[in-house]
Amino acid sequence: MTTPSLNDLTPRQREVLHWIAEGKTSWETSRILDCAEATVKKHRSHIYRALGVARDISAALFYDQNTQT
């Protein structure tokens, strides 16, 4: 099994993950990215699957741990 990486995500999924880490809801993210809320929810489910997590908090922690400089 391979270790998940931010590189496993598309650029748009990384953008959505950033907003998850900022604590934004799907609705708020959809307004920020100018897309449908359903699209953001679909991105979230793909992000969770790619990273092997089940919740926003786990995805946010993964993001924070992998973007620190």
PDB file of N, CA and C in Angstrom:
ATOM      1  N   MET A   1       0.843  -1.178   0.000  1.00  0.00           N
ATOM      2  CA  MET A   1       0.000   0.000   0.000  1.00  0.00           C
ATOM      3  C   MET A   1       0.892   1.246   0.000  1.00  0.00           C
ATOM      4  N   THR A   2       0.540   2.206  -0.825  1.00  0.00           N
ATOM      5  CA  THR A   2       1.334   3.421  -0.913  1.00  0.00           C
ATOM      6  C   THR A   2       0.829   4.470   0.074  1.00  0.00           C
ATOM      7  N   THR A   3       1.739   5.327   0.480  1.00  0.00           N
ATOM      8  CA  THR A   3       1.391   6.419   1.378  1.00  0.00           C
ATOM      9  C   THR A   3       0.695   7.508   0.574  1.00  0.00           C
ATOM     10  N   PRO A   4      -0.448   7.997   1.053  1.00  0.00           N
ATOM     11  CA  PRO A   4      -1.137   9.062   0.323  1.00  0.00           C
ATOM     12  C   PRO A   4      -0.293  10.334   0.259  1.00  0.00           C
ATOM     13  N   SER A   5      -0.503  11.082  -0.799  1.00  0.00           N
ATOM     14  CA  SER A   5       0.237  12.316  -1.017  1.00  0.00           C
ATOM     15  C   SER A   5      -0.697  13.367  -1.606  1.00  0.00           C
ATOM     16  N   LEU A   6      -0.369  14.626  -1.391  1.00  0.00           N
ATOM     17  CA  LEU A   6      -1.141  15.692  -2.031  1.00  0.00           C
ATOM     18  C   LEU A   6      -1.063  15.573  -3.549  1.00  0.00           C
ATOM     19  N   ASN A   7       0.004  14.956  -4.052  1.00  0.00           N
ATOM     20  CA  ASN A   7       0.154  14.752  -5.493  1.00  0.00           C
ATOM     21  C   ASN A   7      -0.862  13.769  -6.051  1.00  0.00           C
ATOM     22  N   ASP A   8      -1.541  13.024  -5.169  1.00  0.00           N
ATOM     23  CA  ASP A   8      -2.583  12.100  -5.605  1.00  0.00           C
ATOM     24  C   ASP A   8      -3.865  12.845  -5.974  1.00  0.00           C
ATOM     25  N   LEU A   9      -3.921  14.122  -5.643  1.00  0.00           N
ATOM     26  CA  LEU A   9      -5.115  14.931  -5.873  1.00  0.00           C
ATOM     27  C   LEU A   9      -4.937  15.827  -7.091  1.00  0.00           C
ATOM     28  N   THR A  10      -6.057  16.152  -7.729  1.00  0.00           N
ATOM     29  CA  THR A  10      -6.021  17.113  -8.822  1.00  0.00           C
ATOM     30  C   THR A  10      -5.805  18.509  -8.239  1.00  0.00           C
ATOM     31  N   PRO A  11      -5.410  19.463  -9.061  1.00  0.00           N
ATOM     32  CA  PRO A  11      -5.264  20.830  -8.545  1.00  0.00           C
ATOM     33  C   PRO A  11      -6.560  21.351  -7.902  1.00  0.00           C
ATOM     34  N   ARG A  12      -7.705  21.058  -8.490  1.00  0.00           N
ATOM     35  CA  ARG A  12      -8.978  21.526  -7.924  1.00  0.00           C
ATOM     36  C   ARG A  12      -9.255  20.839  -6.590  1.00  0.00           C
ATOM     37  N   GLN A  13      -8.944  19.559  -6.483  1.00  0.00           N
ATOM     38  CA  GLN A  13      -9.129  18.849  -5.215  1.00  0.00           C
ATOM     39  C   GLN A  13      -8.219  19.420  -4.142  1.00  0.00           C
ATOM     40  N   ARG A  14      -7.002  19.795  -4.498  1.00  0.00           N
ATOM     41  CA  ARG A  14      -6.101  20.430  -3.526  1.00  0.00           C
ATOM     42  C   ARG A  14      -6.662  21.773  -3.076  1.00  0.00           C
ATOM     43  N   GLU A  15      -7.293  22.478  -4.005  1.00  0.00           N
ATOM     44  CA  GLU A  15      -7.921  23.755  -3.673  1.00  0.00           C
ATOM     45  C   GLU A  15      -9.067  23.539  -2.676  1.00  0.00           C
ATOM     46  N   VAL A  16      -9.901  22.543  -2.943  1.00  0.00           N
ATOM     47  CA  VAL A  16     -11.001  22.219  -2.026  1.00  0.00           C
ATOM     48  C   VAL A  16     -10.440  21.790  -0.679  1.00  0.00           C
ATOM     49  N   LEU A  17      -9.392  20.996  -0.681  1.00  0.00           N
ATOM     50  CA  LEU A  17      -8.774  20.554   0.567  1.00  0.00           C
ATOM     51  C   LEU A  17      -8.262  21.742   1.370  1.00  0.00           C
ATOM     52  N   HIS A  18      -7.703  22.734   0.694  1.00  0.00           N
ATOM     53  CA  HIS A  18      -7.265  23.947   1.383  1.00  0.00           C
ATOM     54  C   HIS A  18      -8.437  24.567   2.140  1.00  0.00           C
ATOM     55  N   TRP A  19      -9.583  24.673   1.496  1.00  0.00           N
ATOM     56  CA  TRP A  19     -10.740  25.294   2.139  1.00  0.00           C
ATOM     57  C   TRP A  19     -11.320  24.413   3.241  1.00  0.00           C
ATOM     58  N   ILE A  20     -11.206  23.087   3.097  1.00  0.00           N
ATOM     59  CA  ILE A  20     -11.580  22.187   4.195  1.00  0.00           C
ATOM     60  C   ILE A  20     -10.714  22.508   5.406  1.00  0.00           C
ATOM     61  N   ALA A  21      -9.400  22.634   5.167  1.00  0.00           N
ATOM     62  CA  ALA A  21      -8.462  22.930   6.261  1.00  0.00           C
ATOM     63  C   ALA A  21      -8.739  24.292   6.895  1.00  0.00           C
ATOM     64  N   GLU A  22      -9.315  25.204   6.125  1.00  0.00           N
ATOM     65  CA  GLU A  22      -9.681  26.524   6.649  1.00  0.00           C
ATOM     66  C   GLU A  22     -11.023  26.482   7.385  1.00  0.00           C
ATOM     67  N   GLY A  23     -11.665  25.321   7.386  1.00  0.00           N
ATOM     68  CA  GLY A  23     -12.919  25.169   8.118  1.00  0.00           C
ATOM     69  C   GLY A  23     -14.158  25.573   7.342  1.00  0.00           C
ATOM     70  N   LYS A  24     -14.040  25.705   6.042  1.00  0.00           N
ATOM     71  CA  LYS A  24     -15.183  26.117   5.226  1.00  0.00           C
ATOM     72  C   LYS A  24     -16.114  24.933   4.952  1.00  0.00           C
ATOM     73  N   THR A  25     -17.399  25.218   4.892  1.00  0.00           N
ATOM     74  CA  THR A  25     -18.395  24.203   4.537  1.00  0.00           C
ATOM     75  C   THR A  25     -18.379  24.012   3.020  1.00  0.00           C
ATOM     76  N   SER A  26     -19.086  22.989   2.565  1.00  0.00           N
ATOM     77  CA  SER A  26     -19.209  22.774   1.116  1.00  0.00           C
ATOM     78  C   SER A  26     -19.869  23.973   0.458  1.00  0.00           C
ATOM     79  N   TRP A  27     -20.894  24.519   1.098  1.00  0.00           N
ATOM     80  CA  TRP A  27     -21.589  25.671   0.538  1.00  0.00           C
ATOM     81  C   TRP A  27     -20.654  26.870   0.440  1.00  0.00           C
ATOM     82  N   GLU A  28     -19.904  27.146   1.517  1.00  0.00           N
ATOM     83  CA  GLU A  28     -18.978  28.282   1.498  1.00  0.00           C
ATOM     84  C   GLU A  28     -17.907  28.088   0.417  1.00  0.00           C
ATOM     85  N   THR A  29     -17.391  26.877   0.331  1.00  0.00           N
ATOM     86  CA  THR A  29     -16.367  26.582  -0.676  1.00  0.00           C
ATOM     87  C   THR A  29     -16.926  26.754  -2.080  1.00  0.00           C
ATOM     88  N   SER A  30     -18.164  26.343  -2.279  1.00  0.00           N
ATOM     89  CA  SER A  30     -18.766  26.496  -3.606  1.00  0.00           C
ATOM     90  C   SER A  30     -18.900  27.965  -3.989  1.00  0.00           C
ATOM     91  N   ARG A  31     -19.175  28.811  -3.030  1.00  0.00           N
ATOM     92  CA  ARG A  31     -19.264  30.254  -3.306  1.00  0.00           C
ATOM     93  C   ARG A  31     -17.875  30.811  -3.635  1.00  0.00           C
ATOM     94  N   ILE A  32     -16.868  30.383  -2.879  1.00  0.00           N
ATOM     95  CA  ILE A  32     -15.495  30.858  -3.093  1.00  0.00           C
ATOM     96  C   ILE A  32     -14.991  30.436  -4.478  1.00  0.00           C
ATOM     97  N   LEU A  33     -15.259  29.176  -4.849  1.00  0.00           N
ATOM     98  CA  LEU A  33     -14.741  28.628  -6.100  1.00  0.00           C
ATOM     99  C   LEU A  33     -15.691  28.824  -7.280  1.00  0.00           C
ATOM    100  N   ASP A  34     -16.854  29.429  -7.009  1.00  0.00           N
ATOM    101  CA  ASP A  34     -17.840  29.692  -8.050  1.00  0.00           C
ATOM    102  C   ASP A  34     -18.237  28.417  -8.795  1.00  0.00           C
ATOM    103  N   CYS A  35     -18.680  27.432  -8.025  1.00  0.00           N
ATOM    104  CA  CYS A  35     -19.161  26.185  -8.600  1.00  0.00           C
ATOM    105  C   CYS A  35     -20.323  25.676  -7.752  1.00  0.00           C
ATOM    106  N   ALA A  36     -20.932  24.606  -8.184  1.00  0.00           N
ATOM    107  CA  ALA A  36     -22.076  24.049  -7.463  1.00  0.00           C
ATOM    108  C   ALA A  36     -21.620  23.369  -6.173  1.00  0.00           C
ATOM    109  N   GLU A  37     -22.476  23.447  -5.161  1.00  0.00           N
ATOM    110  CA  GLU A  37     -22.181  22.779  -3.892  1.00  0.00           C
ATOM    111  C   GLU A  37     -22.020  21.279  -4.102  1.00  0.00           C
ATOM    112  N   ALA A  38     -22.825  20.695  -4.996  1.00  0.00           N
ATOM    113  CA  ALA A  38     -22.721  19.259  -5.282  1.00  0.00           C
ATOM    114  C   ALA A  38     -21.346  18.908  -5.842  1.00  0.00           C
ATOM    115  N   THR A  39     -20.765  19.805  -6.618  1.00  0.00           N
ATOM    116  CA  THR A  39     -19.424  19.583  -7.166  1.00  0.00           C
ATOM    117  C   THR A  39     -18.394  19.539  -6.044  1.00  0.00           C
ATOM    118  N   VAL A  40     -18.516  20.447  -5.102  1.00  0.00           N
ATOM    119  CA  VAL A  40     -17.590  20.472  -3.962  1.00  0.00           C
ATOM    120  C   VAL A  40     -17.747  19.192  -3.153  1.00  0.00           C
ATOM    121  N   LYS A  41     -18.972  18.757  -2.933  1.00  0.00           N
ATOM    122  CA  LYS A  41     -19.201  17.523  -2.173  1.00  0.00           C
ATOM    123  C   LYS A  41     -18.583  16.323  -2.887  1.00  0.00           C
ATOM    124  N   LYS A  42     -18.655  16.300  -4.209  1.00  0.00           N
ATOM    125  CA  LYS A  42     -18.045  15.212  -4.980  1.00  0.00           C
ATOM    126  C   LYS A  42     -16.524  15.254  -4.830  1.00  0.00           C
ATOM    127  N   HIS A  43     -15.953  16.456  -4.903  1.00  0.00           N
ATOM    128  CA  HIS A  43     -14.505  16.597  -4.687  1.00  0.00           C
ATOM    129  C   HIS A  43     -14.128  16.093  -3.297  1.00  0.00           C
ATOM    130  N   ARG A  44     -14.928  16.468  -2.285  1.00  0.00           N
ATOM    131  CA  ARG A  44     -14.641  16.020  -0.919  1.00  0.00           C
ATOM    132  C   ARG A  44     -14.606  14.497  -0.834  1.00  0.00           C
ATOM    133  N   SER A  45     -15.564  13.828  -1.441  1.00  0.00           N
ATOM    134  CA  SER A  45     -15.581  12.364  -1.359  1.00  0.00           C
ATOM    135  C   SER A  45     -14.364  11.766  -2.055  1.00  0.00           C
ATOM    136  N   HIS A  46     -13.940  12.348  -3.172  1.00  0.00           N
ATOM    137  CA  HIS A  46     -12.740  11.860  -3.860  1.00  0.00           C
ATOM    138  C   HIS A  46     -11.482  12.122  -3.026  1.00  0.00           C
ATOM    139  N   ILE A  47     -11.444  13.273  -2.359  1.00  0.00           N
ATOM    140  CA  ILE A  47     -10.313  13.603  -1.485  1.00  0.00           C
ATOM    141  C   ILE A  47     -10.220  12.596  -0.345  1.00  0.00           C
ATOM    142  N   TYR A  48     -11.337  12.328   0.300  1.00  0.00           N
ATOM    143  CA  TYR A  48     -11.343  11.379   1.422  1.00  0.00           C
ATOM    144  C   TYR A  48     -10.842  10.010   0.965  1.00  0.00           C
ATOM    145  N   ARG A  49     -11.323   9.562  -0.188  1.00  0.00           N
ATOM    146  CA  ARG A  49     -10.920   8.251  -0.700  1.00  0.00           C
ATOM    147  C   ARG A  49      -9.429   8.234  -1.022  1.00  0.00           C
ATOM    148  N   ALA A  50      -8.947   9.274  -1.699  1.00  0.00           N
ATOM    149  CA  ALA A  50      -7.531   9.324  -2.098  1.00  0.00           C
ATOM    150  C   ALA A  50      -6.598   9.366  -0.892  1.00  0.00           C
ATOM    151  N   LEU A  51      -7.022  10.063   0.166  1.00  0.00           N
ATOM    152  CA  LEU A  51      -6.169  10.198   1.348  1.00  0.00           C
ATOM    153  C   LEU A  51      -6.402   9.106   2.385  1.00  0.00           C
ATOM    154  N   GLY A  52      -7.459   8.321   2.196  1.00  0.00           N
ATOM    155  CA  GLY A  52      -7.766   7.249   3.142  1.00  0.00           C
ATOM    156  C   GLY A  52      -8.279   7.783   4.462  1.00  0.00           C
ATOM    157  N   VAL A  53      -9.079   8.857   4.398  1.00  0.00           N
ATOM    158  CA  VAL A  53      -9.661   9.448   5.605  1.00  0.00           C
ATOM    159  C   VAL A  53     -11.182   9.423   5.490  1.00  0.00           C
ATOM    160  N   ALA A  54     -11.848   9.669   6.627  1.00  0.00           N
ATOM    161  CA  ALA A  54     -13.302   9.601   6.638  1.00  0.00           C
ATOM    162  C   ALA A  54     -13.978  10.930   6.957  1.00  0.00           C
ATOM    163  N   ARG A  55     -13.215  11.908   7.423  1.00  0.00           N
ATOM    164  CA  ARG A  55     -13.829  13.155   7.886  1.00  0.00           C
ATOM    165  C   ARG A  55     -12.990  14.365   7.520  1.00  0.00           C
ATOM    166  N   ASP A  56     -13.657  15.523   7.612  1.00  0.00           N
ATOM    167  CA  ASP A  56     -12.971  16.788   7.343  1.00  0.00           C
ATOM    168  C   ASP A  56     -11.757  16.980   8.231  1.00  0.00           C
ATOM    169  N   ILE A  57     -11.889  16.685   9.507  1.00  0.00           N
ATOM    170  CA  ILE A  57     -10.792  16.938  10.443  1.00  0.00           C
ATOM    171  C   ILE A  57      -9.554  16.142  10.055  1.00  0.00           C
ATOM    172  N   SER A  58      -9.742  14.892   9.639  1.00  0.00           N
ATOM    173  CA  SER A  58      -8.601  14.071   9.224  1.00  0.00           C
ATOM    174  C   SER A  58      -7.970  14.618   7.953  1.00  0.00           C
ATOM    175  N   ALA A  59      -8.805  15.061   7.018  1.00  0.00           N
ATOM    176  CA  ALA A  59      -8.290  15.651   5.782  1.00  0.00           C
ATOM    177  C   ALA A  59      -7.541  16.945   6.090  1.00  0.00           C
ATOM    178  N   ALA A  60      -8.084  17.762   6.982  1.00  0.00           N
ATOM    179  CA  ALA A  60      -7.442  19.024   7.357  1.00  0.00           C
ATOM    180  C   ALA A  60      -6.090  18.766   8.026  1.00  0.00           C
ATOM    181  N   LEU A  61      -6.029  17.792   8.908  1.00  0.00           N
ATOM    182  CA  LEU A  61      -4.762  17.454   9.555  1.00  0.00           C
ATOM    183  C   LEU A  61      -3.736  16.980   8.538  1.00  0.00           C
ATOM    184  N   PHE A  62      -4.176  16.142   7.586  1.00  0.00           N
ATOM    185  CA  PHE A  62      -3.287  15.683   6.541  1.00  0.00           C
ATOM    186  C   PHE A  62      -2.736  16.867   5.755  1.00  0.00           C
ATOM    187  N   TYR A  63      -3.619  17.782   5.388  1.00  0.00           N
ATOM    188  CA  TYR A  63      -3.219  18.981   4.641  1.00  0.00           C
ATOM    189  C   TYR A  63      -2.199  19.792   5.429  1.00  0.00           C
ATOM    190  N   ASP A  64      -2.514  20.045   6.700  1.00  0.00           N
ATOM    191  CA  ASP A  64      -1.612  20.843   7.530  1.00  0.00           C
ATOM    192  C   ASP A  64      -0.245  20.199   7.677  1.00  0.00           C
ATOM    193  N   GLN A  65      -0.223  18.887   7.845  1.00  0.00           N
ATOM    194  CA  GLN A  65       1.046  18.175   8.026  1.00  0.00           C
ATOM    195  C   GLN A  65       1.869  18.131   6.736  1.00  0.00           C
ATOM    196  N   ASN A  66       1.203  18.235   5.605  1.00  0.00           N
ATOM    197  CA  ASN A  66       1.906  18.117   4.329  1.00  0.00           C
ATOM    198  C   ASN A  66       2.118  19.441   3.607  1.00  0.00           C
ATOM    199  N   THR A  67       1.772  20.542   4.239  1.00  0.00           N
ATOM    200  CA  THR A  67       1.998  21.846   3.626  1.00  0.00           C
ATOM    201  C   THR A  67       2.824  22.770   4.512  1.00  0.00           C
ATOM    202  N   GLN A  68       3.270  22.286   5.638  1.00  0.00           N
ATOM    203  CA  GLN A  68       4.077  23.124   6.525  1.00  0.00           C
ATOM    204  C   GLN A  68       5.434  23.373   5.876  1.00  0.00           C
ATOM    205  N   THR A  69       5.908  24.593   6.039  1.00  0.00           N
ATOM    206  CA  THR A  69       7.215  24.926   5.442  1.00  0.00           C
ATOM    207  C   THR A  69       8.297  24.919   6.476  1.00  0.00           C
TER     208      THR A  69
END
